[in-house]
C-alpha cells in the first residue's frame, strides 16, 4: 500500500515530536527586548576646568553680539558671539549670530566652521546626551587637515569639538558604563533645539548646512 502525502506528513511530525521529547535540552523561545535608547559606555574626556562653562556670562556676551548685529557692527558681533560660545558652546542662537557675522564679512572658513557646529547641534534632536558626547569626541579625535566628506578639519574646529565633548560629558547623567540608559535626550535637556529645528526646516536652513556638516 503506497503512503499518501497526508500520512507522510503525519509521520514526519511524529518523528520531530519524539526527537524533541527525547532531548535533554529544553526548547527555549526567543524573547524580544525593546529599549528606548541604547547608550554606549562613557569615554573619559580630556581634563577641563569645570568653571569654564558659564551660561550667565555667556548670555551677557550673546546680548552684546545681538546688539552689535542690530547696528551692523559685524566685527564686534562676531567677537562677542565667539566669546559666548566659548562659555556655553551648545547655544544655537549664538552659532546663528556667528554665522550671520561670518556671512556679512564674507569669511568662507568661518562660515564653514559655524555651519558645521550649528548643523551638528541641530542633528542632536531626540538623541541621548551620551550620543552627543561620543559624536563630538569622534570629531575631536581627528587630525588637522583630515578631509571628511566635503569638510576639512582645522585646529579651531578640533578645539571646539573638544570643548563640546567635555561640555556634553559633564551634562551626561550616566556616570558608569553599566548604568541603565535612563538619561534625558539632548532636546529634553535643552528644549529649544526641536523648536529651532522646525523653524530651520521651514526656512530651508538645513538644506544648505547638511551639505557642509555631516
Protein backbone atom coordinates (compact mmCIF):
# COMPACT_ATOMS: atom_id res chain seq x y z
CA UNK A 1 0.00 0.00 0.00
CA UNK A 2 1.56 3.30 -1.09
CA UNK A 3 1.69 6.02 1.59
CA UNK A 4 -0.32 9.14 0.85
CA UNK A 5 1.03 12.67 1.20
CA UNK A 6 -1.09 13.15 4.30
CA UNK A 7 0.25 10.06 6.01
CA UNK A 8 3.81 11.02 5.17
CA UNK A 9 3.37 14.46 6.75
CA UNK A 10 1.86 12.91 9.87
CA UNK A 11 4.85 10.59 10.16
CA UNK A 12 7.33 13.46 9.86
CA UNK A 13 5.57 15.50 12.53
CA UNK A 14 5.52 12.49 14.84
CA UNK A 15 9.27 11.88 14.42
CA UNK A 16 10.08 15.53 15.14
CA UNK A 17 7.89 15.48 18.24
CA UNK A 18 9.60 12.34 19.52
CA UNK A 19 13.07 13.77 18.93
CA UNK A 20 12.17 16.96 20.82
CA UNK A 21 10.65 14.95 23.64
CA UNK A 22 13.80 12.82 23.99
CA UNK A 23 16.16 15.78 24.02
CA UNK A 24 17.88 16.61 27.31
CA UNK A 25 17.91 20.34 26.41
CA UNK A 26 14.76 22.37 26.97
CA UNK A 27 13.36 24.18 23.99
CA UNK A 28 13.67 27.93 24.54
CA UNK A 29 11.61 30.56 22.81
CA UNK A 30 13.48 33.64 21.68
CA UNK A 31 12.48 36.72 23.59
CA UNK A 32 12.36 40.15 22.03
CA UNK A 33 13.64 43.06 24.05
CA UNK A 34 12.82 46.68 23.39
CA UNK A 35 14.85 49.62 24.66
CA UNK A 36 14.03 53.25 24.04
CA UNK A 37 17.70 54.28 23.91
CA UNK A 38 20.99 52.43 23.88
CA UNK A 39 23.79 54.47 25.38
CA UNK A 40 27.37 53.32 24.77
CA UNK A 41 29.80 53.31 27.71
CA UNK A 42 31.20 56.59 28.94
CA UNK A 43 34.53 57.64 27.47
CA UNK A 44 36.68 59.91 29.67
CA UNK A 45 37.12 63.33 28.04
CA UNK A 46 40.25 65.50 28.35
CA UNK A 47 40.79 67.26 31.66
CA UNK A 48 38.92 70.55 31.61
CA UNK A 49 38.20 73.09 34.39
CA UNK A 50 34.53 72.83 35.31
CA UNK A 51 34.12 76.59 35.75
CA UNK A 52 34.98 77.24 32.10
CA UNK A 53 31.30 76.83 31.22
CA UNK A 54 29.06 79.63 32.46
CA UNK A 55 25.64 80.23 30.92
CA UNK A 56 25.11 83.57 32.69
CA UNK A 57 28.36 85.07 31.42
CA UNK A 58 27.71 83.56 28.00
CA UNK A 59 24.27 85.17 27.85
CA UNK A 60 25.82 88.58 28.51
CA UNK A 61 28.15 88.05 25.53
CA UNK A 62 25.29 86.92 23.30
CA UNK A 63 23.35 90.06 24.23
CA UNK A 64 26.34 92.16 23.18
CA UNK A 65 26.58 90.18 19.95
CA UNK A 66 22.91 90.73 19.14
CA UNK A 67 23.19 94.46 19.90
CA UNK A 68 26.20 94.77 17.59
CA UNK A 69 24.39 92.72 14.94
CA UNK A 70 21.42 95.11 15.06
CA UNK A 71 23.82 98.01 14.36
CA UNK A 72 25.54 96.17 11.55
CA UNK A 73 28.75 96.08 13.58
CA UNK A 74 29.75 92.61 12.42
CA UNK A 75 33.26 92.68 13.83
CA UNK A 76 32.05 93.14 17.40
CA UNK A 77 29.09 90.83 16.82
CA UNK A 78 31.46 88.07 15.78
CA UNK A 79 33.85 88.72 18.66
CA UNK A 80 31.06 88.63 21.26
CA UNK A 81 29.39 85.57 19.73
CA UNK A 82 32.64 83.61 19.82
CA UNK A 83 33.25 84.69 23.42
CA UNK A 84 29.78 83.49 24.37
CA UNK A 85 30.19 80.16 22.58
CA UNK A 86 33.45 79.55 24.42
CA UNK A 87 31.46 79.78 27.67
CA UNK A 88 28.31 77.95 26.51
CA UNK A 89 29.01 76.11 23.23
CA UNK A 90 25.59 74.49 22.76
CA UNK A 91 23.74 77.77 22.24
CA UNK A 92 22.04 77.50 18.84
CA UNK A 93 21.26 81.22 18.59
CA UNK A 94 24.89 82.03 19.38
CA UNK A 95 26.01 79.91 16.45
CA UNK A 96 23.44 81.58 14.21
CA UNK A 97 24.73 85.02 15.20
CA UNK A 98 28.28 83.92 14.47
CA UNK A 99 27.19 82.51 11.11
CA UNK A 100 25.48 85.79 10.22
CA UNK A 101 28.64 87.71 11.08
CA UNK A 102 30.79 85.35 9.01
CA UNK A 103 28.42 85.77 6.06
CA UNK A 104 28.50 89.55 6.38
CA UNK A 105 32.31 89.51 6.41
CA UNK A 106 32.47 87.01 3.51
CA UNK A 107 34.71 84.79 5.61
CA UNK A 108 34.27 81.37 3.99
CA UNK A 109 36.34 79.47 6.56
CA UNK A 110 34.31 80.99 9.38
CA UNK A 111 31.07 80.21 7.52
CA UNK A 112 32.02 76.53 7.26
CA UNK A 113 33.08 76.43 10.92
CA UNK A 114 29.84 77.97 12.22
CA UNK A 115 27.67 75.97 9.82
CA UNK A 116 29.39 72.72 10.84
CA UNK A 117 28.63 73.07 14.55
CA UNK A 118 25.19 74.59 14.01
CA UNK A 119 24.24 71.53 11.97
CA UNK A 120 25.77 69.13 14.49
CA UNK A 121 23.72 70.63 17.32
CA UNK A 122 20.52 70.61 15.27
CA UNK A 123 21.22 66.96 14.44
CA UNK A 124 21.23 66.05 18.15
CA UNK A 125 17.46 66.46 18.27
CA UNK A 126 15.97 63.44 20.07
CA UNK A 127 19.31 61.75 20.83
CA UNK A 128 20.58 60.90 24.34
CA UNK A 129 23.35 63.01 25.80
CA UNK A 130 25.74 60.07 25.52
CA UNK A 131 25.36 60.20 21.73
CA UNK A 132 26.28 63.89 21.78
CA UNK A 133 29.33 63.16 23.92
CA UNK A 134 30.58 60.44 21.58
CA UNK A 135 29.71 62.43 18.47
CA UNK A 136 31.89 65.36 19.45
CA UNK A 137 34.60 63.01 20.68
CA UNK A 138 34.71 61.45 17.21
CA UNK A 139 35.26 64.89 15.69
CA UNK A 140 37.83 65.95 18.30
CA UNK A 141 39.97 62.87 17.69
CA UNK A 142 40.57 63.73 14.04
CA UNK A 143 43.83 65.19 12.80
CA UNK A 144 44.34 68.72 11.47
CA UNK A 145 43.94 68.68 7.71
CA UNK A 146 41.93 65.46 7.66
CA UNK A 147 39.28 65.53 4.94
CA UNK A 148 35.87 64.06 5.84
CA UNK A 149 33.24 64.23 3.12
CA UNK A 150 33.47 67.85 1.94
CA UNK A 151 34.85 69.30 5.19
CA UNK A 152 38.50 69.70 6.19
CA UNK A 153 39.26 69.82 9.91
CA UNK A 154 41.39 72.70 11.16
CA UNK A 155 42.68 73.29 14.67
CA UNK A 156 39.87 75.68 15.57
CA UNK A 157 37.24 73.08 14.67
CA UNK A 158 39.00 70.36 16.65
CA UNK A 159 39.35 72.67 19.68
CA UNK A 160 35.63 73.49 19.66
CA UNK A 161 34.75 69.80 19.21
CA UNK A 162 36.86 69.04 22.29
CA UNK A 163 35.09 71.81 24.21
CA UNK A 164 31.69 70.37 23.23
CA UNK A 165 32.85 66.84 24.07
CA UNK A 166 33.75 67.95 27.59
CA UNK A 167 30.57 70.01 27.96
CA UNK A 168 28.28 67.12 26.97
CA UNK A 169 30.20 64.70 29.17
CA UNK A 170 29.73 66.99 32.18
CA UNK A 171 25.98 67.02 31.50
CA UNK A 172 25.74 63.27 30.89
CA UNK A 173 23.73 61.76 33.76
CA UNK A 174 25.20 58.26 33.26
CA UNK A 175 28.44 58.14 35.19
CA UNK A 176 29.21 54.41 34.94
CA UNK A 177 29.36 52.07 31.89
CA UNK A 178 26.90 49.60 33.45
CA UNK A 179 24.24 52.17 34.35
CA UNK A 180 20.87 51.89 32.65
CA UNK A 181 20.39 54.44 29.85
CA UNK A 182 17.67 56.47 31.53
CA UNK A 183 19.12 59.89 30.83
CA UNK A 184 17.12 62.57 29.10
CA UNK A 185 17.53 63.15 25.40
CA UNK A 186 19.53 66.20 24.32
CA UNK A 187 16.39 68.08 23.27
CA UNK A 188 14.78 67.35 26.67
CA UNK A 189 17.79 68.81 28.46
CA UNK A 190 17.91 71.75 26.02
CA UNK A 191 14.27 72.05 24.82
CA UNK A 192 14.93 74.91 22.38
CA UNK A 193 16.51 72.52 19.88
CA UNK A 194 13.31 70.94 18.40
CA UNK A 195 11.65 74.35 18.16
CA UNK A 196 14.58 75.78 16.24
CA UNK A 197 14.68 72.63 14.11
CA UNK A 198 11.12 73.27 12.93
CA UNK A 199 11.93 76.90 12.22
CA UNK A 200 15.08 75.87 10.40
CA UNK A 201 13.27 73.41 8.19
CA UNK A 202 10.59 75.97 7.40
CA UNK A 203 13.21 78.50 6.39
CA UNK A 204 15.18 75.98 4.37
CA UNK A 205 18.27 76.29 6.58
CA UNK A 206 19.04 72.59 6.79
CA UNK A 207 19.30 72.20 3.03
CA UNK A 208 22.47 74.24 2.97
CA UNK A 209 24.07 73.19 6.23
CA UNK A 210 23.65 69.46 5.77
CA UNK A 211 25.85 69.61 2.68
CA UNK A 212 28.67 71.09 4.73
CA UNK A 213 28.36 69.26 8.06
CA UNK A 214 27.71 65.50 8.12
